[in-house]
Protein backbone atom coordinates (compact mmCIF):
# COMPACT_ATOMS: atom_id res chain seq x y z
CA MET A 1 21.25 -9.40 6.81
CA VAL A 2 18.16 -7.35 7.69
CA ASN A 3 19.09 -4.94 4.88
CA VAL A 4 19.04 -7.81 2.36
CA TYR A 5 15.56 -8.87 3.51
CA LEU A 6 14.30 -5.29 3.30
CA ILE A 7 15.67 -4.91 -0.23
CA LEU A 8 14.05 -8.22 -1.27
CA ILE A 9 10.72 -7.14 0.24
CA GLY A 10 11.05 -3.87 -1.67
CA LEU A 11 11.86 -5.73 -4.88
CA VAL A 12 8.80 -8.00 -4.62
CA ALA A 13 6.56 -5.09 -3.63
CA GLY A 14 8.01 -2.97 -6.44
CA VAL A 15 7.31 -5.60 -9.08
CA LEU A 16 3.73 -5.96 -7.82
CA CYS A 17 3.37 -2.18 -7.61
CA GLY A 18 4.47 -1.69 -11.21
CA MET A 19 2.53 -4.67 -12.54
CA LEU A 20 -0.67 -4.62 -10.46
CA GLY A 21 -0.70 -1.29 -8.65
CA ILE A 22 -0.29 -3.05 -5.29
CA GLY A 23 2.65 -3.60 -3.00
CA GLY A 24 2.48 -1.40 0.08
CA GLY A 25 -0.63 -2.87 1.61
CA THR A 26 -0.25 -6.39 0.31
CA VAL A 27 3.48 -7.00 0.68
CA VAL A 28 5.17 -4.33 2.77
CA ILE A 29 2.69 -4.12 5.66
CA PRO A 30 2.40 -7.92 6.16
CA ALA A 31 6.20 -8.28 5.88
CA LEU A 32 6.81 -5.59 8.46
CA LEU A 33 4.17 -7.07 10.78
CA PHE A 34 5.24 -10.70 10.55
CA LEU A 35 8.97 -10.57 9.81
CA PHE A 36 9.98 -7.49 11.79
CA ALA A 37 7.29 -7.34 14.51
CA PHE A 38 6.26 -3.77 13.65
CA ASP A 39 3.04 -2.57 15.19
CA MET A 40 0.30 -1.78 12.69
CA LYS A 41 0.71 1.99 12.93
CA GLN A 42 4.46 1.91 12.24
CA ALA A 43 3.93 -0.59 9.40
CA VAL A 44 1.37 1.72 7.78
CA GLY A 45 3.61 4.78 8.04
CA THR A 46 6.64 2.93 6.69
CA SER A 47 4.58 1.45 3.86
CA LEU A 48 3.31 4.89 2.89
CA LEU A 49 6.91 6.10 2.61
CA PHE A 50 7.66 3.13 0.34
CA VAL A 51 4.56 3.73 -1.78
CA ALA A 52 5.19 7.47 -2.13
CA LEU A 53 8.75 7.05 -3.33
CA ALA A 54 8.37 3.85 -5.36
CA SER A 55 5.25 5.12 -7.09
CA ILE A 56 7.22 7.89 -8.77
CA MET A 57 8.99 5.32 -10.94
CA GLY A 58 5.70 3.57 -11.65
CA VAL A 59 4.06 6.80 -12.79
CA ILE A 60 6.99 7.58 -15.07
CA GLY A 61 6.94 4.09 -16.59
CA HIS A 62 3.18 3.94 -17.06
CA HIS A 63 3.14 7.48 -18.47
CA GLN A 64 5.66 6.36 -21.11
CA LEU A 65 3.37 3.42 -21.94
CA HIS A 66 0.32 5.72 -22.11
CA ASN A 67 -1.37 3.75 -19.31
CA ILE A 68 -2.51 6.73 -17.23
CA ASN A 69 -5.88 8.45 -17.30
CA TRP A 70 -4.63 11.74 -15.86
CA LYS A 71 -8.09 13.24 -15.27
CA PHE A 72 -9.28 10.26 -13.21
CA GLY A 73 -5.98 9.94 -11.36
CA LEU A 74 -5.77 13.61 -10.42
CA LEU A 75 -9.41 13.77 -9.30
CA MET A 76 -8.90 10.68 -7.11
CA THR A 77 -5.78 12.33 -5.70
CA LEU A 78 -7.86 15.31 -4.58
CA GLY A 79 -10.11 12.95 -2.63
CA ALA A 80 -7.14 10.98 -1.36
CA ILE A 81 -5.50 14.07 0.14
CA ALA A 82 -8.57 14.66 2.30
CA GLY A 83 -8.91 10.94 3.02
CA VAL A 84 -5.30 10.53 4.10
CA PHE A 85 -5.65 13.52 6.42
CA ILE A 86 -8.67 11.85 8.05
CA GLY A 87 -6.99 8.41 8.11
CA VAL A 88 -3.87 9.74 9.84
CA ARG A 89 -6.09 11.26 12.54
CA LEU A 90 -8.13 8.05 12.91
CA ILE A 91 -5.06 5.82 13.25
CA GLN A 92 -4.19 7.72 16.43
CA VAL A 93 -7.39 6.61 18.17
CA VAL A 94 -7.92 3.10 16.76
CA PRO A 95 -6.03 0.41 18.71
CA ASN A 96 -3.43 -1.69 16.83
CA PRO A 97 -5.37 -4.99 17.19
CA MET A 98 -8.48 -3.36 15.68
CA LEU A 99 -6.42 -1.89 12.81
CA LYS A 100 -5.05 -5.35 12.02
CA LYS A 101 -8.57 -6.80 11.96
CA ILE A 102 -9.87 -4.00 9.72
CA PHE A 103 -6.89 -4.49 7.38
CA GLY A 104 -7.37 -8.27 7.27
CA ILE A 105 -11.11 -8.02 6.60
CA PHE A 106 -10.49 -5.48 3.85
CA LEU A 107 -7.93 -7.74 2.15
CA LEU A 108 -10.25 -10.73 2.49
CA VAL A 109 -13.24 -8.91 0.96
CA VAL A 110 -11.14 -7.57 -1.92
CA SER A 111 -9.64 -11.04 -2.50
CA ILE A 112 -13.03 -12.72 -2.63
CA ARG A 113 -14.37 -10.05 -4.97
CA LEU A 114 -11.40 -10.40 -7.33
CA ILE A 115 -11.62 -14.20 -7.38
CA THR A 116 -15.39 -14.27 -7.99
CA SER A 117 -15.55 -11.49 -10.59
CA SER A 118 -13.44 -13.20 -13.27
């Protein structure tokens, strides 16, 4: 039964990933935290695996629709490679409860900004 739940979580996250560019941080991490009692660090790592593999299909689909600015995307990827390296090191020293708070505050700030910027 766990496999069915995981596939459904992946389906919902995949739809949101393809449609809104979100899914790992907004669906997968909360699902792993609340439904499967993952700690924050394991949820982040598992979500990154999901994002890395699922994003391949999204890139292919959006490329076919001409929805990709390759210059911007590749330049951001250069920064992201360095940022991920730093983030993986930081996650080792930041306690799980603090990571959850940082994650929650980030989602809250982004949510408020999206709602008020219409």
